[in-house]
Amino acid sequence: MKVEFDEDTCIGMFQCVAEWDAFEKDKSKGKAILADSEEREDGVFVREVPDDAELDAKFAARSCPVDAIAIYDDDGNQLIP
Protein backbone atom coordinates (compact mmCIF):
# COMPACT_ATOMS: atom_id res chain seq x y z
CA MET A 1 0.00 0.00 0.00
CA LYS A 2 1.18 3.52 -0.81
CA VAL A 3 0.16 6.96 0.35
CA GLU A 4 0.29 10.02 -1.87
CA PHE A 5 0.22 13.49 -0.35
CA ASP A 6 -0.39 16.66 -2.35
CA GLU A 7 1.26 19.38 -0.31
CA ASP A 8 -0.13 22.15 -2.52
CA THR A 9 -3.70 21.04 -1.77
CA CYS A 10 -3.08 20.84 1.99
CA ILE A 11 -4.66 23.69 3.97
CA GLY A 12 -2.96 22.91 7.29
CA MET A 13 -5.84 21.58 9.36
CA PHE A 14 -3.46 18.88 10.66
CA GLN A 15 -6.15 16.24 11.17
CA CYS A 16 -3.84 13.77 9.42
CA VAL A 17 -1.18 14.44 12.08
CA ALA A 18 -3.60 13.29 14.76
CA GLU A 19 -4.39 10.09 12.84
CA TRP A 20 -0.95 8.86 11.69
CA ASP A 21 2.50 9.73 12.97
CA ALA A 22 3.94 9.73 9.43
CA PHE A 23 2.39 13.19 9.07
CA GLU A 24 4.02 16.08 10.89
CA LYS A 25 3.21 19.75 11.30
CA ASP A 26 5.31 22.24 9.40
CA LYS A 27 4.23 25.44 11.07
CA SER A 28 6.54 27.58 8.92
CA LYS A 29 4.60 26.51 5.81
CA GLY A 30 1.27 26.10 7.59
CA LYS A 31 0.97 22.63 6.07
CA ALA A 32 1.50 19.01 6.99
CA ILE A 33 4.46 17.07 5.65
CA LEU A 34 4.73 13.36 4.95
CA ALA A 35 7.87 12.06 6.67
CA ASP A 36 10.19 9.64 4.87
CA SER A 37 8.56 10.34 1.51
CA GLU A 38 9.98 11.19 -1.87
CA GLU A 39 8.71 13.91 -4.16
CA ARG A 40 7.27 12.19 -7.22
CA GLU A 41 6.36 15.43 -8.95
CA ASP A 42 6.23 19.04 -7.87
CA GLY A 43 4.48 19.14 -4.48
CA VAL A 44 3.33 15.50 -4.56
CA PHE A 45 4.99 13.14 -2.09
CA VAL A 46 4.76 9.34 -1.98
CA ARG A 47 5.81 6.62 0.45
CA GLU A 48 5.07 3.02 1.30
CA VAL A 49 2.69 2.35 4.17
CA PRO A 50 3.99 -0.25 6.64
CA ASP A 51 1.61 -3.17 7.17
CA ASP A 52 1.06 -2.21 10.79
CA ALA A 53 0.09 1.37 9.82
CA GLU A 54 -2.46 0.70 7.06
CA LEU A 55 -5.47 1.55 9.22
CA ASP A 56 -3.83 4.76 10.49
CA ALA A 57 -2.97 5.80 6.93
CA LYS A 58 -6.56 5.24 5.83
CA PHE A 59 -7.87 7.29 8.77
CA ALA A 60 -5.44 10.09 7.91
CA ALA A 61 -6.66 10.15 4.31
CA ARG A 62 -10.32 10.11 5.32
CA SER A 63 -9.80 12.89 7.85
CA CYS A 64 -8.34 15.32 5.30
CA PRO A 65 -11.01 17.96 4.55
CA VAL A 66 -9.55 18.75 1.10
CA ASP A 67 -8.60 15.24 -0.08
CA ALA A 68 -4.88 16.01 -0.19
CA ILE A 69 -4.12 12.39 0.79
CA ALA A 70 -4.75 9.38 -1.43
CA ILE A 71 -4.24 5.72 -0.60
CA TYR A 72 -3.36 3.13 -3.27
CA ASP A 73 -3.24 -0.65 -3.00
CA ASP A 74 -0.25 -2.68 -4.18
CA ASP A 75 -1.76 -2.93 -7.68
CA GLY A 76 -1.99 0.86 -8.01
CA ASN A 77 -5.76 1.06 -7.52
CA GLN A 78 -6.88 4.13 -5.60
CA LEU A 79 -8.72 3.18 -2.42
CA ILE A 80 -9.21 6.58 -0.78
CA PRO A 81 -10.60 9.18 -1.56
C-alpha atoms as a PDB file:
ATOM      1  CA  MET A   1       0.000   0.000   0.000  1.00  0.00           C
ATOM      2  CA  LYS A   2       1.181   3.524  -0.805  1.00  0.00           C
ATOM      3  CA  VAL A   3       0.159   6.955   0.352  1.00  0.00           C
ATOM      4  CA  GLU A   4       0.287  10.017  -1.873  1.00  0.00           C
ATOM      5  CA  PHE A   5       0.223  13.487  -0.345  1.00  0.00           C
ATOM      6  CA  ASP A   6      -0.395  16.659  -2.350  1.00  0.00           C
ATOM      7  CA  GLU A   7       1.260  19.385  -0.306  1.00  0.00           C
ATOM      8  CA  ASP A   8      -0.132  22.155  -2.525  1.00  0.00           C
ATOM      9  CA  THR A   9      -3.704  21.035  -1.774  1.00  0.00           C
ATOM     10  CA  CYS A  10      -3.081  20.837   1.985  1.00  0.00           C
ATOM     11  CA  ILE A  11      -4.663  23.694   3.972  1.00  0.00           C
ATOM     12  CA  GLY A  12      -2.962  22.913   7.286  1.00  0.00           C
ATOM     13  CA  MET A  13      -5.842  21.581   9.358  1.00  0.00           C
ATOM     14  CA  PHE A  14      -3.460  18.876  10.655  1.00  0.00           C
ATOM     15  CA  GLN A  15      -6.152  16.236  11.168  1.00  0.00           C
ATOM     16  CA  CYS A  16      -3.835  13.765   9.424  1.00  0.00           C
ATOM     17  CA  VAL A  17      -1.185  14.436  12.076  1.00  0.00           C
ATOM     18  CA  ALA A  18      -3.603  13.285  14.763  1.00  0.00           C
ATOM     19  CA  GLU A  19      -4.391  10.086  12.843  1.00  0.00           C
ATOM     20  CA  TRP A  20      -0.948   8.864  11.685  1.00  0.00           C
ATOM     21  CA  ASP A  21       2.505   9.731  12.972  1.00  0.00           C
ATOM     22  CA  ALA A  22       3.936   9.733   9.432  1.00  0.00           C
ATOM     23  CA  PHE A  23       2.391  13.187   9.068  1.00  0.00           C
ATOM     24  CA  GLU A  24       4.016  16.076  10.889  1.00  0.00           C
ATOM     25  CA  LYS A  25       3.206  19.749  11.301  1.00  0.00           C
ATOM     26  CA  ASP A  26       5.305  22.245   9.398  1.00  0.00           C
ATOM     27  CA  LYS A  27       4.226  25.444  11.073  1.00  0.00           C
ATOM     28  CA  SER A  28       6.535  27.576   8.925  1.00  0.00           C
ATOM     29  CA  LYS A  29       4.601  26.507   5.808  1.00  0.00           C
ATOM     30  CA  GLY A  30       1.270  26.103   7.585  1.00  0.00           C
ATOM     31  CA  LYS A  31       0.965  22.631   6.069  1.00  0.00           C
ATOM     32  CA  ALA A  32       1.495  19.007   6.988  1.00  0.00           C
ATOM     33  CA  ILE A  33       4.457  17.066   5.654  1.00  0.00           C
ATOM     34  CA  LEU A  34       4.734  13.359   4.950  1.00  0.00           C
ATOM     35  CA  ALA A  35       7.866  12.058   6.670  1.00  0.00           C
ATOM     36  CA  ASP A  36      10.192   9.640   4.868  1.00  0.00           C
ATOM     37  CA  SER A  37       8.564  10.340   1.511  1.00  0.00           C
ATOM     38  CA  GLU A  38       9.976  11.189  -1.868  1.00  0.00           C
ATOM     39  CA  GLU A  39       8.707  13.907  -4.157  1.00  0.00           C
ATOM     40  CA  ARG A  40       7.266  12.186  -7.219  1.00  0.00           C
ATOM     41  CA  GLU A  41       6.359  15.431  -8.945  1.00  0.00           C
ATOM     42  CA  ASP A  42       6.232  19.045  -7.867  1.00  0.00           C
ATOM     43  CA  GLY A  43       4.480  19.143  -4.479  1.00  0.00           C
ATOM     44  CA  VAL A  44       3.327  15.498  -4.560  1.00  0.00           C
ATOM     45  CA  PHE A  45       4.992  13.138  -2.091  1.00  0.00           C
ATOM     46  CA  VAL A  46       4.756   9.335  -1.979  1.00  0.00           C
ATOM     47  CA  ARG A  47       5.814   6.616   0.447  1.00  0.00           C
ATOM     48  CA  GLU A  48       5.071   3.020   1.299  1.00  0.00           C
ATOM     49  CA  VAL A  49       2.687   2.347   4.165  1.00  0.00           C
ATOM     50  CA  PRO A  50       3.987  -0.247   6.640  1.00  0.00           C
ATOM     51  CA  ASP A  51       1.615  -3.169   7.167  1.00  0.00           C
ATOM     52  CA  ASP A  52       1.055  -2.214  10.793  1.00  0.00           C
ATOM     53  CA  ALA A  53       0.091   1.365   9.819  1.00  0.00           C
ATOM     54  CA  GLU A  54      -2.458   0.704   7.060  1.00  0.00           C
ATOM     55  CA  LEU A  55      -5.467   1.546   9.219  1.00  0.00           C
ATOM     56  CA  ASP A  56      -3.834   4.756  10.494  1.00  0.00           C
ATOM     57  CA  ALA A  57      -2.975   5.803   6.925  1.00  0.00           C
ATOM     58  CA  LYS A  58      -6.560   5.240   5.830  1.00  0.00           C
ATOM     59  CA  PHE A  59      -7.874   7.287   8.765  1.00  0.00           C
ATOM     60  CA  ALA A  60      -5.442  10.088   7.912  1.00  0.00           C
ATOM     61  CA  ALA A  61      -6.664  10.145   4.313  1.00  0.00           C
ATOM     62  CA  ARG A  62     -10.316  10.106   5.320  1.00  0.00           C
ATOM     63  CA  SER A  63      -9.797  12.894   7.850  1.00  0.00           C
ATOM     64  CA  CYS A  64      -8.337  15.324   5.304  1.00  0.00           C
ATOM     65  CA  PRO A  65     -11.008  17.958   4.549  1.00  0.00           C
ATOM     66  CA  VAL A  66      -9.552  18.753   1.103  1.00  0.00           C
ATOM     67  CA  ASP A  67      -8.603  15.238  -0.083  1.00  0.00           C
ATOM     68  CA  ALA A  68      -4.880  16.014  -0.189  1.00  0.00           C
ATOM     69  CA  ILE A  69      -4.117  12.394   0.786  1.00  0.00           C
ATOM     70  CA  ALA A  70      -4.753   9.379  -1.429  1.00  0.00           C
ATOM     71  CA  ILE A  71      -4.239   5.716  -0.602  1.00  0.00           C
ATOM     72  CA  TYR A  72      -3.355   3.130  -3.268  1.00  0.00           C
ATOM     73  CA  ASP A  73      -3.240  -0.649  -2.997  1.00  0.00           C
ATOM     74  CA  ASP A  74      -0.248  -2.677  -4.183  1.00  0.00           C
ATOM     75  CA  ASP A  75      -1.758  -2.927  -7.684  1.00  0.00           C
ATOM     76  CA  GLY A  76      -1.993   0.864  -8.005  1.00  0.00           C
ATOM     77  CA  ASN A  77      -5.755   1.064  -7.521  1.00  0.00           C
ATOM     78  CA  GLN A  78      -6.885   4.127  -5.605  1.00  0.00           C
ATOM     79  CA  LEU A  79      -8.724   3.176  -2.423  1.00  0.00           C
ATOM     80  CA  ILE A  80      -9.210   6.584  -0.782  1.00  0.00           C
ATOM     81  CA  PRO A  81     -10.601   9.181  -1.556  1.00  0.00           C
END
